[in-house]
Protein backbone atom coordinates (compact mmCIF):
# COMPACT_ATOMS: atom_id res chain seq x y z
CA UNK A 1 -41.15 -58.03 5.84
CA UNK A 2 -42.92 -59.41 8.94
CA UNK A 3 -41.13 -61.98 11.03
CA UNK A 4 -42.84 -65.32 11.29
CA UNK A 5 -43.07 -66.75 14.78
CA UNK A 6 -40.61 -69.51 15.56
CA UNK A 7 -42.94 -72.44 16.29
CA UNK A 8 -40.03 -74.55 17.51
CA UNK A 9 -39.81 -72.45 20.74
CA UNK A 10 -41.36 -73.74 23.91
CA UNK A 11 -43.90 -71.52 25.68
CA UNK A 12 -41.26 -70.60 28.27
CA UNK A 13 -38.75 -69.62 25.61
CA UNK A 14 -41.36 -67.61 23.76
CA UNK A 15 -42.28 -65.78 26.95
CA UNK A 16 -38.58 -65.05 27.66
CA UNK A 17 -38.20 -63.69 24.14
CA UNK A 18 -41.21 -61.39 24.58
CA UNK A 19 -39.92 -60.18 27.94
CA UNK A 20 -36.53 -59.38 26.40
CA UNK A 21 -38.14 -57.41 23.55
CA UNK A 22 -40.30 -55.48 26.02
CA UNK A 23 -37.22 -54.66 28.12
CA UNK A 24 -35.42 -53.39 25.02
CA UNK A 25 -38.35 -51.12 24.17
CA UNK A 26 -38.51 -49.88 27.76
CA UNK A 27 -34.77 -49.20 27.84
CA UNK A 28 -34.99 -47.24 24.61
CA UNK A 29 -37.86 -45.17 26.00
CA UNK A 30 -35.93 -44.52 29.20
CA UNK A 31 -32.80 -43.61 27.25
CA UNK A 32 -34.80 -41.19 25.07
CA UNK A 33 -36.35 -39.62 28.14
CA UNK A 34 -32.93 -39.22 29.74
CA UNK A 35 -31.60 -37.54 26.61
CA UNK A 36 -34.55 -35.16 26.51
CA UNK A 37 -34.02 -34.31 30.18
CA UNK A 38 -30.29 -33.71 29.54
CA UNK A 39 -31.04 -31.48 26.57
CA UNK A 40 -33.63 -29.55 28.59
CA UNK A 41 -31.11 -29.12 31.40
CA UNK A 42 -28.44 -27.98 28.93
CA UNK A 43 -30.82 -25.44 27.41
CA UNK A 44 -31.87 -24.24 30.85
CA UNK A 45 -28.27 -23.84 31.97
CA UNK A 46 -26.54 -22.59 28.81
CA UNK A 47 -29.30 -21.57 26.43
CA UNK A 48 -29.33 -17.93 27.48
CA UNK A 49 -25.54 -17.59 27.10
CA UNK A 50 -25.63 -19.25 23.67
CA UNK A 51 -28.42 -16.96 22.54
CA UNK A 52 -26.54 -13.88 23.72
CA UNK A 53 -23.34 -15.09 22.01
CA UNK A 54 -25.25 -15.66 18.76
CA UNK A 55 -26.78 -12.17 18.93
CA UNK A 56 -23.37 -10.60 19.62
CA UNK A 57 -21.81 -12.53 16.72
CA UNK A 58 -24.56 -11.37 14.36
CA UNK A 59 -24.19 -7.80 15.60
CA UNK A 60 -20.40 -7.89 15.04
CA UNK A 61 -20.83 -9.33 11.56
CA UNK A 62 -23.43 -6.69 10.74
CA UNK A 63 -21.11 -3.99 12.08
CA UNK A 64 -18.26 -5.32 9.96
CA UNK A 65 -20.41 -5.21 6.83
CA UNK A 66 -21.51 -1.66 7.67
CA UNK A 67 -17.92 -0.57 8.30
CA UNK A 68 -16.76 -2.03 4.99
CA UNK A 69 -19.59 -0.25 3.17
CA UNK A 70 -18.77 2.99 5.01
CA UNK A 71 -15.07 2.73 4.09
CA UNK A 72 -15.95 2.11 0.45
CA UNK A 73 -18.22 5.17 0.47
CA UNK A 74 -15.38 7.24 1.94
CA UNK A 75 -12.92 6.00 -0.71
CA UNK A 76 -15.36 6.89 -3.46
CA UNK A 77 -15.91 10.36 -1.99
CA UNK A 78 -12.14 10.94 -1.67
CA UNK A 79 -11.60 9.75 -5.24
CA UNK A 80 -14.23 12.16 -6.51
CA UNK A 81 -12.46 15.05 -4.76
CA UNK A 82 -9.09 14.04 -6.25
CA UNK A 83 -10.50 13.66 -9.76
CA UNK A 84 -12.33 16.98 -9.50
CA UNK A 85 -9.18 18.69 -8.30
CA UNK A 86 -7.17 17.29 -11.20
CA UNK A 87 -9.78 18.67 -13.58
CA UNK A 88 -9.41 22.08 -11.94
CA UNK A 89 -5.61 21.91 -12.19
CA UNK A 90 -5.79 21.04 -15.90
CA UNK A 91 -8.12 23.99 -16.39
CA UNK A 92 -5.62 26.27 -14.66
CA UNK A 93 -7.84 26.92 -11.62
CA UNK A 94 -5.11 26.29 -9.06
CA UNK A 95 -6.76 28.13 -6.17
CA UNK A 96 -10.00 26.21 -6.63
CA UNK A 97 -8.13 22.91 -6.85
CA UNK A 98 -6.15 23.70 -3.70
CA UNK A 99 -9.38 24.51 -1.81
CA UNK A 100 -10.89 21.17 -2.84
CA UNK A 101 -7.77 19.22 -1.91
CA UNK A 102 -7.67 20.89 1.52
CA UNK A 103 -10.88 19.00 2.33
CA UNK A 104 -8.88 15.76 2.34
CA UNK A 105 -6.75 16.89 5.29
CA UNK A 106 -9.21 14.96 7.46
CA UNK A 107 -9.61 12.02 5.08
CA UNK A 108 -9.67 8.65 6.83
CA UNK A 109 -7.50 7.06 4.15
CA UNK A 110 -3.81 7.89 4.57
CA UNK A 111 -3.28 7.35 0.84
CA UNK A 112 -5.87 9.97 -0.05
CA UNK A 113 -4.33 12.44 2.41
CA UNK A 114 -0.85 11.88 0.99
CA UNK A 115 -2.00 12.22 -2.62
CA UNK A 116 -3.85 15.44 -1.79
CA UNK A 117 -0.81 16.93 -0.03
CA UNK A 118 1.50 16.03 -2.92
CA UNK A 119 -0.88 17.75 -5.33
CA UNK A 120 -1.17 20.80 -3.07
CA UNK A 121 2.63 20.97 -2.87
CA UNK A 122 2.80 20.93 -6.65
CA UNK A 123 0.25 23.76 -6.76
CA UNK A 124 2.32 25.75 -4.26
CA UNK A 125 5.37 25.37 -6.50
CA UNK A 126 3.35 26.59 -9.48
CA UNK A 127 2.31 29.59 -7.38
CA UNK A 128 5.97 30.29 -6.52
CA UNK A 129 5.56 29.29 -2.87
CA UNK A 130 8.47 26.86 -2.37
CA UNK A 131 8.41 27.14 1.43
CA UNK A 132 4.76 26.05 1.57
CA UNK A 133 5.46 23.25 -0.90
CA UNK A 134 8.42 21.97 1.12
CA UNK A 135 6.31 21.85 4.29
CA UNK A 136 3.67 19.77 2.54
CA UNK A 137 6.31 17.43 1.15
CA UNK A 138 7.77 17.06 4.64
CA UNK A 139 4.35 16.17 6.09
CA UNK A 140 3.93 13.35 3.58
CA UNK A 141 7.50 12.12 4.10
CA UNK A 142 6.97 11.99 7.88
CA UNK A 143 3.55 10.31 7.72
CA UNK A 144 4.08 6.72 8.85
CA UNK A 145 0.60 5.74 7.64
CA UNK A 146 1.14 6.97 4.07
CA UNK A 147 2.18 4.49 1.35
CA UNK A 148 5.97 4.15 1.23
CA UNK A 149 6.11 5.18 -2.43
CA UNK A 150 4.42 8.48 -1.58
CA UNK A 151 6.80 9.06 1.34
CA UNK A 152 9.88 8.42 -0.78
CA UNK A 153 8.63 10.69 -3.56
CA UNK A 154 7.86 13.43 -1.03
CA UNK A 155 11.36 13.10 0.44
CA UNK A 156 12.96 13.61 -2.98
CA UNK A 157 10.68 16.52 -3.85
CA UNK A 158 11.32 18.19 -0.48
CA UNK A 159 15.08 18.02 -1.02
CA UNK A 160 14.73 19.23 -4.61
CA UNK A 161 12.68 22.21 -3.45
CA UNK A 162 15.17 23.17 -0.73
CA UNK A 163 18.39 22.07 -2.43
CA UNK A 164 19.86 25.55 -2.82
CA UNK A 165 19.43 26.26 0.88
CA UNK A 166 20.53 22.86 2.23
CA UNK A 167 24.00 21.80 3.22
CA UNK A 168 25.39 19.13 0.88
CA UNK A 169 25.93 16.81 3.83
CA UNK A 170 22.24 17.09 4.74
CA UNK A 171 21.24 16.26 1.17
CA UNK A 172 23.42 13.15 1.24
CA UNK A 173 22.16 12.08 4.66
CA UNK A 174 18.52 12.37 3.66
CA UNK A 175 18.66 10.81 0.21
CA UNK A 176 21.47 8.27 0.44
CA UNK A 177 19.09 5.47 1.61
CA UNK A 178 17.17 5.93 -1.67
CA UNK A 179 20.26 6.38 -3.88
CA UNK A 180 20.90 2.65 -4.02
CA UNK A 181 20.86 0.57 -7.25
CA UNK A 182 17.65 -1.44 -7.36
CA UNK A 183 15.65 1.14 -5.46
CA UNK A 184 12.75 2.52 -7.57
CA UNK A 185 13.96 6.05 -6.84
CA UNK A 186 17.65 5.36 -7.45
CA UNK A 187 17.94 7.64 -10.50
CA UNK A 188 16.22 10.69 -9.04
CA UNK A 189 17.75 10.41 -5.58
CA UNK A 190 21.14 9.37 -6.92
CA UNK A 191 21.40 12.43 -9.17
CA UNK A 192 20.81 14.77 -6.22
CA UNK A 193 23.29 12.89 -4.04
CA UNK A 194 25.91 13.00 -6.84
CA UNK A 195 25.41 16.76 -7.17
CA UNK A 196 25.85 17.11 -3.41
CA UNK A 197 29.09 15.09 -3.68
CA UNK A 198 30.30 17.60 -6.28
CA UNK A 199 29.48 20.46 -3.93
CA UNK A 200 31.59 18.71 -1.30
CA UNK A 201 34.47 18.24 -3.71
CA UNK A 202 34.03 14.45 -3.73
CA UNK A 203 34.32 14.20 -7.51
CA UNK A 204 35.35 10.56 -7.59
CA UNK A 205 32.25 9.42 -5.67
CA UNK A 206 30.07 11.71 -7.78
CA UNK A 207 31.45 10.28 -11.04
CA UNK A 208 30.95 6.71 -9.86
CA UNK A 209 27.37 7.43 -8.89
CA UNK A 210 26.62 9.22 -12.17
CA UNK A 211 28.04 6.23 -14.05
CA UNK A 212 25.81 3.83 -12.09
CA UNK A 213 22.75 5.94 -12.94
CA UNK A 214 23.74 6.02 -16.62
CA UNK A 215 23.85 2.21 -16.65
CA UNK A 216 20.50 1.80 -14.88
CA UNK A 217 18.11 0.67 -17.62
CA UNK A 218 15.10 1.36 -15.39
CA UNK A 219 15.92 5.07 -15.15
CA UNK A 220 14.40 7.51 -17.68
CA UNK A 221 16.59 7.93 -20.76
CA UNK A 222 16.85 11.71 -20.26
CA UNK A 223 18.24 11.13 -16.76
CA UNK A 224 20.64 8.44 -18.00
CA UNK A 225 21.89 10.78 -20.71
CA UNK A 226 22.58 13.57 -18.21
CA UNK A 227 24.32 11.16 -15.86
CA UNK A 228 26.43 9.75 -18.73
CA UNK A 229 27.62 13.22 -19.67
CA UNK A 230 28.40 14.15 -16.07
CA UNK A 231 30.30 10.90 -15.54
CA UNK A 232 32.31 11.59 -18.70
CA UNK A 233 33.17 15.10 -17.53
CA UNK A 234 34.42 13.59 -14.27
CA UNK A 235 36.58 11.04 -16.10
CA UNK A 236 34.41 7.99 -15.50
CA UNK A 237 33.43 5.80 -18.46
CA UNK A 238 29.67 5.22 -18.27
CA UNK A 239 29.15 3.88 -21.81
CA UNK A 240 28.30 0.20 -22.07
CA UNK A 241 26.98 0.12 -25.64
CA UNK A 242 28.56 2.67 -28.00
CA UNK A 243 26.11 1.97 -30.84
CA UNK A 244 23.18 2.57 -28.51
CA UNK A 245 24.58 5.91 -27.40
CA UNK A 246 25.38 7.03 -30.96
CA UNK A 247 21.82 6.21 -32.03
CA UNK A 248 20.38 8.69 -29.55
CA UNK A 249 19.13 12.09 -30.80
CA UNK A 250 21.80 14.79 -30.62
CA UNK A 251 24.64 12.26 -30.39
CA UNK A 252 24.81 10.57 -33.80
CA UNK A 253 27.29 12.08 -36.21
CA UNK A 254 29.13 13.85 -33.44
CA UNK A 255 26.39 16.43 -32.94
CA UNK A 256 26.79 18.48 -29.80
CA UNK A 257 24.29 18.03 -26.95
CA UNK A 258 21.59 20.68 -26.64
CA UNK A 259 22.34 23.75 -24.48
CA UNK A 260 21.75 23.11 -20.79
CA UNK A 261 22.05 19.34 -21.14
């Protein structure tokens, strides 16, 4: 809405008002010009550096996206080799499976390398090559980049493969850190440690450990059953629930355990 002139102003006051308005317009124009000059100076001084930084940032982001895509492609390729090898193992083509798995020795993913070596160790055992299998297990166990679960499993399998040639003290030293209640590998490692205790004549410690395994509800039932029987033979009560034990196959009605149990 247009402003109506104030007719109550004197000519001098009206002139002063016009002069003030013109000064305001001039100041705004000057201020705008100063800002433009400052922006131009900023661009002249820092524009090149900002442009380079933006290009570098875009290049890094593009490189990151490429690297992620490349890693995903590698994972897919490694997975295809593992799946193909498992198919060969199921078909009984152990040599072919081993040759495929050997390709993952240079895999970029430590998990894929560890899985391949565990499978190759299993193939070596099937081919009656325990020394080769133990070396592969040792490589996985010593690989600091491999998943911890793979390393622990490899440690147990390496000891199992060499048990007959190892000193009982060495078995205990290597597996005792895993033979702890609450550890995912407590049952498997604990059984080997308890057997090593027996070989050392430490029957009391062996019986206590067998009893702990028998009470571990996370351990496989077959392992718990073996541990319960061994604890009983060593004079340690490992039965918590009598009805549960009697309900198990081969126990109810006083039936004797199967040979070799």
